[in-house]
């Protein structure tokens, strides 16, 4: 069974936020961070920091949640991010930090954790 992720990225100063959906979070982060599409919003404004994500079993549920998050006020999204940061359970640094070693960004994480360990719920 596939897993779908709803995620929020931010710029370095958390002034800008981007919300998206993917079925491969690490691949999608790599695409954002390497600016695969230089004309995209995330590339133009260097929105590369992973500040929030959640897992879903079905694409429809992930898409609905993405729309729900996009309809939230800035304050509500910040609360969501703060709650995630408070509950975070040792996510690999290469997922959060766009300036971590490029080899670590492009490859599967090494170590005792997986994305499951990073899940806020």
PDB file of N, CA and C in Angstrom:
ATOM      1  N   UNK A   1       0.841  -1.181   0.000  1.00  0.00           N
ATOM      2  CA  UNK A   1       0.000   0.000   0.000  1.00  0.00           C
ATOM      3  C   UNK A   1       0.885   1.242   0.000  1.00  0.00           C
ATOM      4  N   UNK A   2       0.541   2.185  -0.818  1.00  0.00           N
ATOM      5  CA  UNK A   2       1.290   3.429  -0.905  1.00  0.00           C
ATOM      6  C   UNK A   2       0.928   4.365   0.231  1.00  0.00           C
ATOM      7  N   UNK A   3       1.851   5.236   0.533  1.00  0.00           N
ATOM      8  CA  UNK A   3       1.614   6.281   1.529  1.00  0.00           C
ATOM      9  C   UNK A   3       1.683   7.614   0.814  1.00  0.00           C
ATOM     10  N   UNK A   4       0.791   8.509   1.162  1.00  0.00           N
ATOM     11  CA  UNK A   4       0.750   9.843   0.569  1.00  0.00           C
ATOM     12  C   UNK A   4       1.033  10.862   1.667  1.00  0.00           C
ATOM     13  N   UNK A   5       1.782  11.881   1.319  1.00  0.00           N
ATOM     14  CA  UNK A   5       2.210  12.887   2.291  1.00  0.00           C
ATOM     15  C   UNK A   5       1.661  14.259   1.917  1.00  0.00           C
ATOM     16  N   UNK A   6       1.163  14.953   2.912  1.00  0.00           N
ATOM     17  CA  UNK A   6       0.851  16.380   2.792  1.00  0.00           C
ATOM     18  C   UNK A   6       1.976  17.061   3.546  1.00  0.00           C
ATOM     19  N   UNK A   7       2.597  18.050   2.916  1.00  0.00           N
ATOM     20  CA  UNK A   7       3.762  18.675   3.536  1.00  0.00           C
ATOM     21  C   UNK A   7       3.717  20.188   3.386  1.00  0.00           C
ATOM     22  N   UNK A   8       4.439  20.858   4.277  1.00  0.00           N
ATOM     23  CA  UNK A   8       4.584  22.312   4.202  1.00  0.00           C
ATOM     24  C   UNK A   8       6.072  22.622   4.183  1.00  0.00           C
ATOM     25  N   UNK A   9       6.463  23.446   3.224  1.00  0.00           N
ATOM     26  CA  UNK A   9       7.833  23.945   3.131  1.00  0.00           C
ATOM     27  C   UNK A   9       7.833  25.422   3.465  1.00  0.00           C
ATOM     28  N   UNK A  10       8.984  25.909   3.881  1.00  0.00           N
ATOM     29  CA  UNK A  10       9.131  27.315   4.234  1.00  0.00           C
ATOM     30  C   UNK A  10      10.466  27.835   3.727  1.00  0.00           C
ATOM     31  N   UNK A  11      10.574  29.150   3.627  1.00  0.00           N
ATOM     32  CA  UNK A  11      11.881  29.751   3.359  1.00  0.00           C
ATOM     33  C   UNK A  11      12.648  29.808   4.679  1.00  0.00           C
ATOM     34  N   UNK A  12      13.854  30.253   4.622  1.00  0.00           N
ATOM     35  CA  UNK A  12      14.727  30.261   5.801  1.00  0.00           C
ATOM     36  C   UNK A  12      14.136  31.043   6.970  1.00  0.00           C
ATOM     37  N   UNK A  13      13.429  32.115   6.684  1.00  0.00           N
ATOM     38  CA  UNK A  13      12.898  32.989   7.747  1.00  0.00           C
ATOM     39  C   UNK A  13      11.432  32.704   8.073  1.00  0.00           C
ATOM     40  N   UNK A  14      10.892  31.672   7.482  1.00  0.00           N
ATOM     41  CA  UNK A  14       9.489  31.283   7.634  1.00  0.00           C
ATOM     42  C   UNK A  14       8.531  32.428   7.327  1.00  0.00           C
ATOM     43  N   UNK A  15       8.849  33.172   6.301  1.00  0.00           N
ATOM     44  CA  UNK A  15       7.944  34.226   5.843  1.00  0.00           C
ATOM     45  C   UNK A  15       6.965  33.682   4.818  1.00  0.00           C
ATOM     46  N   UNK A  16       7.435  32.724   4.003  1.00  0.00           N
ATOM     47  CA  UNK A  16       6.617  32.149   2.943  1.00  0.00           C
ATOM     48  C   UNK A  16       6.408  30.662   3.213  1.00  0.00           C
ATOM     49  N   UNK A  17       5.216  30.183   2.902  1.00  0.00           N
ATOM     50  CA  UNK A  17       4.904  28.769   3.085  1.00  0.00           C
ATOM     51  C   UNK A  17       4.381  28.192   1.779  1.00  0.00           C
ATOM     52  N   UNK A  18       4.666  26.924   1.563  1.00  0.00           N
ATOM     53  CA  UNK A  18       4.177  26.198   0.400  1.00  0.00           C
ATOM     54  C   UNK A  18       3.624  24.869   0.885  1.00  0.00           C
ATOM     55  N   UNK A  19       2.424  24.518   0.451  1.00  0.00           N
ATOM     56  CA  UNK A  19       1.791  23.259   0.841  1.00  0.00           C
ATOM     57  C   UNK A  19       1.655  22.381  -0.393  1.00  0.00           C
ATOM     58  N   UNK A  20       2.004  21.107  -0.252  1.00  0.00           N
ATOM     59  CA  UNK A  20       1.914  20.189  -1.378  1.00  0.00           C
ATOM     60  C   UNK A  20       1.574  18.778  -0.948  1.00  0.00           C
ATOM     61  N   UNK A  21       1.392  17.900  -1.949  1.00  0.00           N
ATOM     62  CA  UNK A  21       1.079  16.492  -1.734  1.00  0.00           C
ATOM     63  C   UNK A  21       2.020  15.671  -2.603  1.00  0.00           C
ATOM     64  N   UNK A  22       2.473  14.539  -2.091  1.00  0.00           N
ATOM     65  CA  UNK A  22       3.323  13.639  -2.867  1.00  0.00           C
ATOM     66  C   UNK A  22       3.192  12.224  -2.330  1.00  0.00           C
ATOM     67  N   UNK A  23       3.624  11.261  -3.136  1.00  0.00           N
ATOM     68  CA  UNK A  23       3.658   9.881  -2.636  1.00  0.00           C
ATOM     69  C   UNK A  23       5.089   9.453  -2.318  1.00  0.00           C
ATOM     70  N   UNK A  24       6.069  10.333  -2.593  1.00  0.00           N
ATOM     71  CA  UNK A  24       7.470  10.073  -2.254  1.00  0.00           C
ATOM     72  C   UNK A  24       8.078  11.356  -1.703  1.00  0.00           C
ATOM     73  N   UNK A  25       8.029  11.516  -0.411  1.00  0.00           N
ATOM     74  CA  UNK A  25       8.429  12.765   0.218  1.00  0.00           C
ATOM     75  C   UNK A  25       9.895  13.110  -0.048  1.00  0.00           C
ATOM     76  N   UNK A  26      10.783  12.159   0.104  1.00  0.00           N
ATOM     77  CA  UNK A  26      12.206  12.466  -0.098  1.00  0.00           C
ATOM     78  C   UNK A  26      12.498  12.883  -1.532  1.00  0.00           C
ATOM     79  N   UNK A  27      11.894  12.207  -2.502  1.00  0.00           N
ATOM     80  CA  UNK A  27      12.095  12.573  -3.902  1.00  0.00           C
ATOM     81  C   UNK A  27      11.587  13.989  -4.159  1.00  0.00           C
ATOM     82  N   UNK A  28      10.409  14.290  -3.626  1.00  0.00           N
ATOM     83  CA  UNK A  28       9.810  15.606  -3.848  1.00  0.00           C
ATOM     84  C   UNK A  28      10.646  16.705  -3.193  1.00  0.00           C
ATOM     85  N   UNK A  29      11.151  16.454  -2.001  1.00  0.00           N
ATOM     86  CA  UNK A  29      12.020  17.431  -1.347  1.00  0.00           C
ATOM     87  C   UNK A  29      13.271  17.673  -2.180  1.00  0.00           C
ATOM     88  N   UNK A  30      13.839  16.600  -2.716  1.00  0.00           N
ATOM     89  CA  UNK A  30      15.022  16.732  -3.564  1.00  0.00           C
ATOM     90  C   UNK A  30      14.710  17.600  -4.783  1.00  0.00           C
ATOM     91  N   UNK A  31      13.546  17.405  -5.379  1.00  0.00           N
ATOM     92  CA  UNK A  31      13.158  18.212  -6.540  1.00  0.00           C
ATOM     93  C   UNK A  31      13.035  19.684  -6.171  1.00  0.00           C
ATOM     94  N   UNK A  32      12.428  19.970  -5.025  1.00  0.00           N
ATOM     95  CA  UNK A  32      12.314  21.368  -4.588  1.00  0.00           C
ATOM     96  C   UNK A  32      13.696  21.966  -4.332  1.00  0.00           C
ATOM     97  N   UNK A  33      14.534  21.222  -3.648  1.00  0.00           N
ATOM     98  CA  UNK A  33      15.827  21.755  -3.215  1.00  0.00           C
ATOM     99  C   UNK A  33      16.834  21.901  -4.343  1.00  0.00           C
ATOM    100  N   UNK A  34      16.708  21.089  -5.373  1.00  0.00           N
ATOM    101  CA  UNK A  34      17.614  21.221  -6.517  1.00  0.00           C
ATOM    102  C   UNK A  34      17.020  22.131  -7.589  1.00  0.00           C
ATOM    103  N   UNK A  35      15.852  22.701  -7.284  1.00  0.00           N
ATOM    104  CA  UNK A  35      15.172  23.639  -8.177  1.00  0.00           C
ATOM    105  C   UNK A  35      14.982  23.043  -9.570  1.00  0.00           C
ATOM    106  N   UNK A  36      14.378  21.852  -9.586  1.00  0.00           N
ATOM    107  CA  UNK A  36      14.115  21.121 -10.814  1.00  0.00           C
ATOM    108  C   UNK A  36      13.384  22.004 -11.830  1.00  0.00           C
ATOM    109  N   UNK A  37      12.436  22.789 -11.352  1.00  0.00           N
ATOM    110  CA  UNK A  37      11.735  23.759 -12.200  1.00  0.00           C
ATOM    111  C   UNK A  37      12.115  25.156 -11.697  1.00  0.00           C
ATOM    112  N   UNK A  38      13.095  25.813 -12.348  1.00  0.00           N
ATOM    113  CA  UNK A  38      13.590  27.106 -11.855  1.00  0.00           C
ATOM    114  C   UNK A  38      12.540  28.224 -11.825  1.00  0.00           C
ATOM    115  N   UNK A  39      11.447  28.045 -12.557  1.00  0.00           N
ATOM    116  CA  UNK A  39      10.399  29.068 -12.586  1.00  0.00           C
ATOM    117  C   UNK A  39       9.337  28.863 -11.507  1.00  0.00           C
ATOM    118  N   UNK A  40       9.443  27.785 -10.758  1.00  0.00           N
ATOM    119  CA  UNK A  40       8.421  27.483  -9.756  1.00  0.00           C
ATOM    120  C   UNK A  40       8.500  28.457  -8.575  1.00  0.00           C
ATOM    121  N   UNK A  41       7.413  28.536  -7.857  1.00  0.00           N
ATOM    122  CA  UNK A  41       7.317  29.393  -6.663  1.00  0.00           C
ATOM    123  C   UNK A  41       8.396  29.023  -5.647  1.00  0.00           C
ATOM    124  N   UNK A  42       8.571  27.728  -5.392  1.00  0.00           N
ATOM    125  CA  UNK A  42       9.545  27.308  -4.387  1.00  0.00           C
ATOM    126  C   UNK A  42      10.974  27.613  -4.823  1.00  0.00           C
ATOM    127  N   UNK A  43      11.253  27.515  -6.104  1.00  0.00           N
ATOM    128  CA  UNK A  43      12.606  27.809  -6.595  1.00  0.00           C
ATOM    129  C   UNK A  43      12.886  29.310  -6.562  1.00  0.00           C
ATOM    130  N   UNK A  44      11.940  30.107  -7.002  1.00  0.00           N
ATOM    131  CA  UNK A  44      12.142  31.561  -7.047  1.00  0.00           C
ATOM    132  C   UNK A  44      12.369  32.160  -5.665  1.00  0.00           C
ATOM    133  N   UNK A  45      11.701  31.627  -4.665  1.00  0.00           N
ATOM    134  CA  UNK A  45      11.796  32.200  -3.322  1.00  0.00           C
ATOM    135  C   UNK A  45      12.578  31.323  -2.348  1.00  0.00           C
ATOM    136  N   UNK A  46      13.279  30.318  -2.849  1.00  0.00           N
ATOM    137  CA  UNK A  46      14.119  29.436  -2.038  1.00  0.00           C
ATOM    138  C   UNK A  46      13.351  28.836  -0.856  1.00  0.00           C
ATOM    139  N   UNK A  47      12.204  28.270  -1.155  1.00  0.00           N
ATOM    140  CA  UNK A  47      11.356  27.635  -0.143  1.00  0.00           C
ATOM    141  C   UNK A  47      11.754  26.169  -0.097  1.00  0.00           C
ATOM    142  N   UNK A  48      12.633  25.824   0.842  1.00  0.00           N
ATOM    143  CA  UNK A  48      13.249  24.491   0.849  1.00  0.00           C
ATOM    144  C   UNK A  48      13.247  23.802   2.207  1.00  0.00           C
ATOM    145  N   UNK A  49      12.784  24.457   3.246  1.00  0.00           N
ATOM    146  CA  UNK A  49      12.801  23.866   4.587  1.00  0.00           C
ATOM    147  C   UNK A  49      11.501  23.102   4.846  1.00  0.00           C
ATOM    148  N   UNK A  50      11.629  21.835   5.180  1.00  0.00           N
ATOM    149  CA  UNK A  50      10.460  21.041   5.550  1.00  0.00           C
ATOM    150  C   UNK A  50      10.085  21.403   6.981  1.00  0.00           C
ATOM    151  N   UNK A  51       8.891  21.967   7.167  1.00  0.00           N
ATOM    152  CA  UNK A  51       8.469  22.371   8.510  1.00  0.00           C
ATOM    153  C   UNK A  51       7.288  21.548   9.027  1.00  0.00           C
ATOM    154  N   UNK A  52       6.658  20.758   8.131  1.00  0.00           N
ATOM    155  CA  UNK A  52       5.505  19.961   8.555  1.00  0.00           C
ATOM    156  C   UNK A  52       5.235  18.884   7.515  1.00  0.00           C
ATOM    157  N   UNK A  53       4.810  17.714   7.980  1.00  0.00           N
ATOM    158  CA  UNK A  53       4.242  16.716   7.072  1.00  0.00           C
ATOM    159  C   UNK A  53       3.356  15.774   7.852  1.00  0.00           C
ATOM    160  N   UNK A  54       2.439  15.156   7.132  1.00  0.00           N
ATOM    161  CA  UNK A  54       1.583  14.129   7.702  1.00  0.00           C
ATOM    162  C   UNK A  54       1.339  13.068   6.646  1.00  0.00           C
ATOM    163  N   UNK A  55       1.035  11.858   7.102  1.00  0.00           N
ATOM    164  CA  UNK A  55       0.860  10.712   6.206  1.00  0.00           C
ATOM    165  C   UNK A  55      -0.619  10.395   6.027  1.00  0.00           C
ATOM    166  N   UNK A  56      -0.937   9.895   4.832  1.00  0.00           N
ATOM    167  CA  UNK A  56      -2.300   9.449   4.527  1.00  0.00           C
ATOM    168  C   UNK A  56      -2.221   8.163   3.726  1.00  0.00           C
ATOM    169  N   UNK A  57      -3.215   7.305   3.890  1.00  0.00           N
ATOM    170  CA  UNK A  57      -3.239   6.023   3.184  1.00  0.00           C
ATOM    171  C   UNK A  57      -3.819   6.149   1.779  1.00  0.00           C
ATOM    172  N   UNK A  58      -4.629   7.172   1.544  1.00  0.00           N
ATOM    173  CA  UNK A  58      -5.312   7.307   0.258  1.00  0.00           C
ATOM    174  C   UNK A  58      -5.062   8.682  -0.349  1.00  0.00           C
ATOM    175  N   UNK A  59      -4.921   8.737  -1.676  1.00  0.00           N
ATOM    176  CA  UNK A  59      -4.640  10.026  -2.320  1.00  0.00           C
ATOM    177  C   UNK A  59      -5.765  11.033  -2.137  1.00  0.00           C
ATOM    178  N   UNK A  60      -7.003  10.569  -2.145  1.00  0.00           N
ATOM    179  CA  UNK A  60      -8.134  11.482  -1.963  1.00  0.00           C
ATOM    180  C   UNK A  60      -8.092  12.170  -0.605  1.00  0.00           C
ATOM    181  N   UNK A  61      -7.747  11.409   0.424  1.00  0.00           N
ATOM    182  CA  UNK A  61      -7.646  11.971   1.775  1.00  0.00           C
ATOM    183  C   UNK A  61      -6.519  12.995   1.835  1.00  0.00           C
ATOM    184  N   UNK A  62      -5.397  12.690   1.189  1.00  0.00           N
ATOM    185  CA  UNK A  62      -4.266  13.630   1.177  1.00  0.00           C
ATOM    186  C   UNK A  62      -4.635  14.911   0.435  1.00  0.00           C
ATOM    187  N   UNK A  63      -5.313  14.776  -0.696  1.00  0.00           N
ATOM    188  CA  UNK A  63      -5.711  15.968  -1.456  1.00  0.00           C
ATOM    189  C   UNK A  63      -6.707  16.828  -0.688  1.00  0.00           C
ATOM    190  N   UNK A  64      -7.647  16.183   0.000  1.00  0.00           N
ATOM    191  CA  UNK A  64      -8.609  16.951   0.812  1.00  0.00           C
ATOM    192  C   UNK A  64      -7.898  17.695   1.938  1.00  0.00           C
ATOM    193  N   UNK A  65      -6.947  17.016   2.572  1.00  0.00           N
ATOM    194  CA  UNK A  65      -6.206  17.649   3.671  1.00  0.00           C
ATOM    195  C   UNK A  65      -5.364  18.807   3.158  1.00  0.00           C
ATOM    196  N   UNK A  66      -4.749  18.645   1.986  1.00  0.00           N
ATOM    197  CA  UNK A  66      -3.979  19.740   1.395  1.00  0.00           C
ATOM    198  C   UNK A  66      -4.869  20.963   1.202  1.00  0.00           C
ATOM    199  N   UNK A  67      -6.047  20.760   0.647  1.00  0.00           N
ATOM    200  CA  UNK A  67      -6.979  21.879   0.435  1.00  0.00           C
ATOM    201  C   UNK A  67      -7.404  22.491   1.766  1.00  0.00           C
ATOM    202  N   UNK A  68      -7.618  21.642   2.762  1.00  0.00           N
ATOM    203  CA  UNK A  68      -7.989  22.122   4.099  1.00  0.00           C
ATOM    204  C   UNK A  68      -6.883  23.021   4.664  1.00  0.00           C
ATOM    205  N   UNK A  69      -5.633  22.588   4.537  1.00  0.00           N
ATOM    206  CA  UNK A  69      -4.505  23.378   5.044  1.00  0.00           C
ATOM    207  C   UNK A  69      -4.376  24.683   4.260  1.00  0.00           C
ATOM    208  N   UNK A  70      -4.572  24.620   2.956  1.00  0.00           N
ATOM    209  CA  UNK A  70      -4.469  25.833   2.135  1.00  0.00           C
ATOM    210  C   UNK A  70      -5.558  26.852   2.484  1.00  0.00           C
ATOM    211  N   UNK A  71      -6.696  26.377   2.997  1.00  0.00           N
ATOM    212  CA  UNK A  71      -7.783  27.280   3.389  1.00  0.00           C
ATOM    213  C   UNK A  71      -7.574  27.873   4.786  1.00  0.00           C
ATOM    214  N   UNK A  72      -6.632  27.332   5.539  1.00  0.00           N
ATOM    215  CA  UNK A  72      -6.366  27.826   6.893  1.00  0.00           C
ATOM    216  C   UNK A  72      -5.761  29.228   6.844  1.00  0.00           C
ATOM    217  N   UNK A  73      -5.964  29.955   7.917  1.00  0.00           N
ATOM    218  CA  UNK A  73      -5.298  31.253   8.048  1.00  0.00           C
ATOM    219  C   UNK A  73      -3.818  31.017   8.336  1.00  0.00           C
ATOM    220  N   UNK A  74      -3.043  32.056   8.174  1.00  0.00           N
ATOM    221  CA  UNK A  74      -1.611  31.942   8.461  1.00  0.00           C
ATOM    222  C   UNK A  74      -1.394  31.512   9.911  1.00  0.00           C
ATOM    223  N   UNK A  75      -2.158  32.076  10.818  1.00  0.00           N
ATOM    224  CA  UNK A  75      -2.045  31.755  12.233  1.00  0.00           C
ATOM    225  C   UNK A  75      -2.322  30.268  12.473  1.00  0.00           C
ATOM    226  N   UNK A  76      -3.358  29.723  11.837  1.00  0.00           N
ATOM    227  CA  UNK A  76      -3.692  28.305  12.007  1.00  0.00           C
ATOM    228  C   UNK A  76      -2.584  27.405  11.461  1.00  0.00           C
ATOM    229  N   UNK A  77      -2.001  27.786  10.319  1.00  0.00           N
ATOM    230  CA  UNK A  77      -0.898  26.995   9.768  1.00  0.00           C
ATOM    231  C   UNK A  77       0.323  27.056  10.681  1.00  0.00           C
ATOM    232  N   UNK A  78       0.594  28.213  11.251  1.00  0.00           N
ATOM    233  CA  UNK A  78       1.723  28.334  12.190  1.00  0.00           C
ATOM    234  C   UNK A  78       1.487  27.460  13.418  1.00  0.00           C
ATOM    235  N   UNK A  79       0.255  27.402  13.904  1.00  0.00           N
ATOM    236  CA  UNK A  79      -0.067  26.551  15.050  1.00  0.00           C
ATOM    237  C   UNK A  79       0.160  25.081  14.698  1.00  0.00           C
ATOM    238  N   UNK A  80      -0.238  24.691  13.500  1.00  0.00           N
ATOM    239  CA  UNK A  80      -0.040  23.322  13.030  1.00  0.00           C
ATOM    240  C   UNK A  80       1.451  22.983  12.999  1.00  0.00           C
ATOM    241  N   UNK A  81       2.252  23.893  12.490  1.00  0.00           N
ATOM    242  CA  UNK A  81       3.705  23.704  12.395  1.00  0.00           C
ATOM    243  C   UNK A  81       4.319  23.628  13.792  1.00  0.00           C
ATOM    244  N   UNK A  82       3.903  24.515  14.689  1.00  0.00           N
ATOM    245  CA  UNK A  82       4.452  24.512  16.049  1.00  0.00           C
ATOM    246  C   UNK A  82       4.117  23.217  16.789  1.00  0.00           C
ATOM    247  N   UNK A  83       2.896  22.745  16.594  1.00  0.00           N
ATOM    248  CA  UNK A  83       2.500  21.486  17.232  1.00  0.00           C
ATOM    249  C   UNK A  83       3.338  20.333  16.674  1.00  0.00           C
ATOM    250  N   UNK A  84       3.563  20.313  15.377  1.00  0.00           N
ATOM    251  CA  UNK A  84       4.396  19.286  14.752  1.00  0.00           C
ATOM    252  C   UNK A  84       5.815  19.328  15.304  1.00  0.00           C
ATOM    253  N   UNK A  85       6.375  20.534  15.424  1.00  0.00           N
ATOM    254  CA  UNK A  85       7.737  20.676  15.950  1.00  0.00           C
ATOM    255  C   UNK A  85       7.831  20.190  17.386  1.00  0.00           C
ATOM    256  N   UNK A  86       6.791  20.448  18.172  1.00  0.00           N
ATOM    257  CA  UNK A  86       6.790  20.031  19.574  1.00  0.00           C
ATOM    258  C   UNK A  86       6.692  18.504  19.701  1.00  0.00           C
ATOM    259  N   UNK A  87       5.982  17.862  18.777  1.00  0.00           N
ATOM    260  CA  UNK A  87       5.766  16.413  18.844  1.00  0.00           C
ATOM    261  C   UNK A  87       6.777  15.630  18.024  1.00  0.00           C
ATOM    262  N   UNK A  88       7.589  16.308  17.278  1.00  0.00           N
ATOM    263  CA  UNK A  88       8.542  15.659  16.371  1.00  0.00           C
ATOM    264  C   UNK A  88       9.390  14.631  17.105  1.00  0.00           C
ATOM    265  N   UNK A  89       9.625  13.502  16.441  1.00  0.00           N
ATOM    266  CA  UNK A  89      10.361  12.410  17.081  1.00  0.00           C
ATOM    267  C   UNK A  89      11.630  12.070  16.315  1.00  0.00           C
ATOM    268  N   UNK A  90      12.604  12.929  16.337  1.00  0.00           N
ATOM    269  CA  UNK A  90      13.896  12.615  15.757  1.00  0.00           C
ATOM    270  C   UNK A  90      13.928  12.443  14.258  1.00  0.00           C
ATOM    271  N   UNK A  91      13.273  13.306  13.519  1.00  0.00           N
ATOM    272  CA  UNK A  91      13.343  13.234  12.059  1.00  0.00           C
ATOM    273  C   UNK A  91      14.779  13.409  11.601  1.00  0.00           C
ATOM    274  N   UNK A  92      15.177  12.693  10.560  1.00  0.00           N
ATOM    275  CA  UNK A  92      16.522  12.858  10.028  1.00  0.00           C
ATOM    276  C   UNK A  92      16.776  14.299   9.603  1.00  0.00           C
ATOM    277  N   UNK A  93      17.928  14.824   9.927  1.00  0.00           N
ATOM    278  CA  UNK A  93      18.249  16.217   9.609  1.00  0.00           C
ATOM    279  C   UNK A  93      18.189  16.489   8.116  1.00  0.00           C
ATOM    280  N   UNK A  94      18.538  15.512   7.289  1.00  0.00           N
ATOM    281  CA  UNK A  94      18.539  15.763   5.851  1.00  0.00           C
ATOM    282  C   UNK A  94      17.142  15.998   5.296  1.00  0.00           C
ATOM    283  N   UNK A  95      16.092  15.605   6.020  1.00  0.00           N
ATOM    284  CA  UNK A  95      14.744  15.909   5.562  1.00  0.00           C
ATOM    285  C   UNK A  95      14.366  17.341   5.898  1.00  0.00           C
ATOM    286  N   UNK A  96      14.820  17.816   7.036  1.00  0.00           N
ATOM    287  CA  UNK A  96      14.458  19.158   7.477  1.00  0.00           C
ATOM    288  C   UNK A  96      15.363  20.235   6.897  1.00  0.00           C
ATOM    289  N   UNK A  97      16.671  19.927   6.791  1.00  0.00           N
ATOM    290  CA  UNK A  97      17.659  20.935   6.438  1.00  0.00           C
ATOM    291  C   UNK A  97      18.068  20.823   4.973  1.00  0.00           C
ATOM    292  N   UNK A  98      17.731  21.818   4.163  1.00  0.00           N
ATOM    293  CA  UNK A  98      18.083  21.736   2.745  1.00  0.00           C
ATOM    294  C   UNK A  98      19.579  21.849   2.503  1.00  0.00           C
ATOM    295  N   UNK A  99      20.334  22.248   3.494  1.00  0.00           N
ATOM    296  CA  UNK A  99      21.764  22.423   3.301  1.00  0.00           C
ATOM    297  C   UNK A  99      22.554  21.257   3.884  1.00  0.00           C
ATOM    298  N   UNK A 100      21.846  20.168   4.209  1.00  0.00           N
ATOM    299  CA  UNK A 100      22.536  18.947   4.626  1.00  0.00           C
ATOM    300  C   UNK A 100      23.255  18.384   3.406  1.00  0.00           C
ATOM    301  N   UNK A 101      24.145  17.475   3.631  1.00  0.00           N
ATOM    302  CA  UNK A 101      24.929  16.863   2.561  1.00  0.00           C
ATOM    303  C   UNK A 101      24.042  16.430   1.399  1.00  0.00           C
ATOM    304  N   UNK A 102      24.358  16.844   0.150  1.00  0.00           N
ATOM    305  CA  UNK A 102      23.522  16.491  -0.995  1.00  0.00           C
ATOM    306  C   UNK A 102      23.342  14.993  -1.180  1.00  0.00           C
ATOM    307  N   UNK A 103      24.359  14.209  -0.886  1.00  0.00           N
ATOM    308  CA  UNK A 103      24.222  12.765  -1.001  1.00  0.00           C
ATOM    309  C   UNK A 103      23.147  12.236  -0.083  1.00  0.00           C
ATOM    310  N   UNK A 104      22.995  12.838   1.066  1.00  0.00           N
ATOM    311  CA  UNK A 104      21.979  12.406   2.018  1.00  0.00           C
ATOM    312  C   UNK A 104      20.593  12.835   1.563  1.00  0.00           C
ATOM    313  N   UNK A 105      20.508  13.942   0.822  1.00  0.00           N
ATOM    314  CA  UNK A 105      19.203  14.385   0.360  1.00  0.00           C
ATOM    315  C   UNK A 105      18.678  13.480  -0.747  1.00  0.00           C
ATOM    316  N   UNK A 106      19.549  13.005  -1.597  1.00  0.00           N
ATOM    317  CA  UNK A 106      19.124  12.245  -2.764  1.00  0.00           C
ATOM    318  C   UNK A 106      18.900  10.771  -2.465  1.00  0.00           C
ATOM    319  N   UNK A 107      19.454  10.269  -1.386  1.00  0.00           N
ATOM    320  CA  UNK A 107      19.375   8.838  -1.122  1.00  0.00           C
ATOM    321  C   UNK A 107      18.388   8.528  -0.009  1.00  0.00           C
ATOM    322  N   UNK A 108      18.153   7.264   0.162  1.00  0.00           N
ATOM    323  CA  UNK A 108      17.319   6.816   1.274  1.00  0.00           C
ATOM    324  C   UNK A 108      18.034   7.133   2.584  1.00  0.00           C
ATOM    325  N   UNK A 109      17.311   7.439   3.647  1.00  0.00           N
ATOM    326  CA  UNK A 109      17.974   7.713   4.910  1.00  0.00           C
ATOM    327  C   UNK A 109      18.661   6.460   5.442  1.00  0.00           C
ATOM    328  N   UNK A 110      19.796   6.670   6.063  1.00  0.00           N
ATOM    329  CA  UNK A 110      20.509   5.569   6.696  1.00  0.00           C
ATOM    330  C   UNK A 110      20.355   5.717   8.200  1.00  0.00           C
ATOM    331  N   UNK A 111      20.100   4.654   8.874  1.00  0.00           N
ATOM    332  CA  UNK A 111      19.994   4.718  10.324  1.00  0.00           C
ATOM    333  C   UNK A 111      18.794   3.956  10.819  1.00  0.00           C
ATOM    334  N   UNK A 112      18.553   4.008  12.118  1.00  0.00           N
ATOM    335  CA  UNK A 112      17.474   3.230  12.707  1.00  0.00           C
ATOM    336  C   UNK A 112      16.095   3.825  12.467  1.00  0.00           C
ATOM    337  N   UNK A 113      16.012   5.044  11.919  1.00  0.00           N
ATOM    338  CA  UNK A 113      14.721   5.683  11.742  1.00  0.00           C
ATOM    339  C   UNK A 113      14.277   5.591  10.297  1.00  0.00           C
ATOM    340  N   UNK A 114      13.007   5.751  10.093  1.00  0.00           N
ATOM    341  CA  UNK A 114      12.414   5.877   8.780  1.00  0.00           C
ATOM    342  C   UNK A 114      11.426   7.025   8.887  1.00  0.00           C
ATOM    343  N   UNK A 115      10.735   7.317   7.809  1.00  0.00           N
ATOM    344  CA  UNK A 115       9.736   8.387   7.878  1.00  0.00           C
ATOM    345  C   UNK A 115       8.647   8.054   8.896  1.00  0.00           C
ATOM    346  N   UNK A 116       8.403   6.760   9.129  1.00  0.00           N
ATOM    347  CA  UNK A 116       7.404   6.388  10.130  1.00  0.00           C
ATOM    348  C   UNK A 116       7.738   6.986  11.485  1.00  0.00           C
ATOM    349  N   UNK A 117       9.025   7.018  11.835  1.00  0.00           N
ATOM    350  CA  UNK A 117       9.424   7.547  13.139  1.00  0.00           C
ATOM    351  C   UNK A 117       9.235   9.055  13.227  1.00  0.00           C
ATOM    352  N   UNK A 118       9.106   9.701  12.087  1.00  0.00           N
ATOM    353  CA  UNK A 118       8.951  11.150  12.070  1.00  0.00           C
ATOM    354  C   UNK A 118       7.491  11.570  12.090  1.00  0.00           C
ATOM    355  N   UNK A 119       6.600  10.616  11.956  1.00  0.00           N
ATOM    356  CA  UNK A 119       5.185  10.936  11.870  1.00  0.00           C
ATOM    357  C   UNK A 119       4.709  11.565  13.165  1.00  0.00           C
ATOM    358  N   UNK A 120       4.048  12.732  13.084  1.00  0.00           N
ATOM    359  CA  UNK A 120       3.629  13.420  14.311  1.00  0.00           C
ATOM    360  C   UNK A 120       2.551  12.686  15.094  1.00  0.00           C
ATOM    361  N   UNK A 121       1.835  11.783  14.478  1.00  0.00           N
ATOM    362  CA  UNK A 121       0.764  11.087  15.189  1.00  0.00           C
ATOM    363  C   UNK A 121       1.179   9.687  15.570  1.00  0.00           C
TER     364      UNK A 121
END
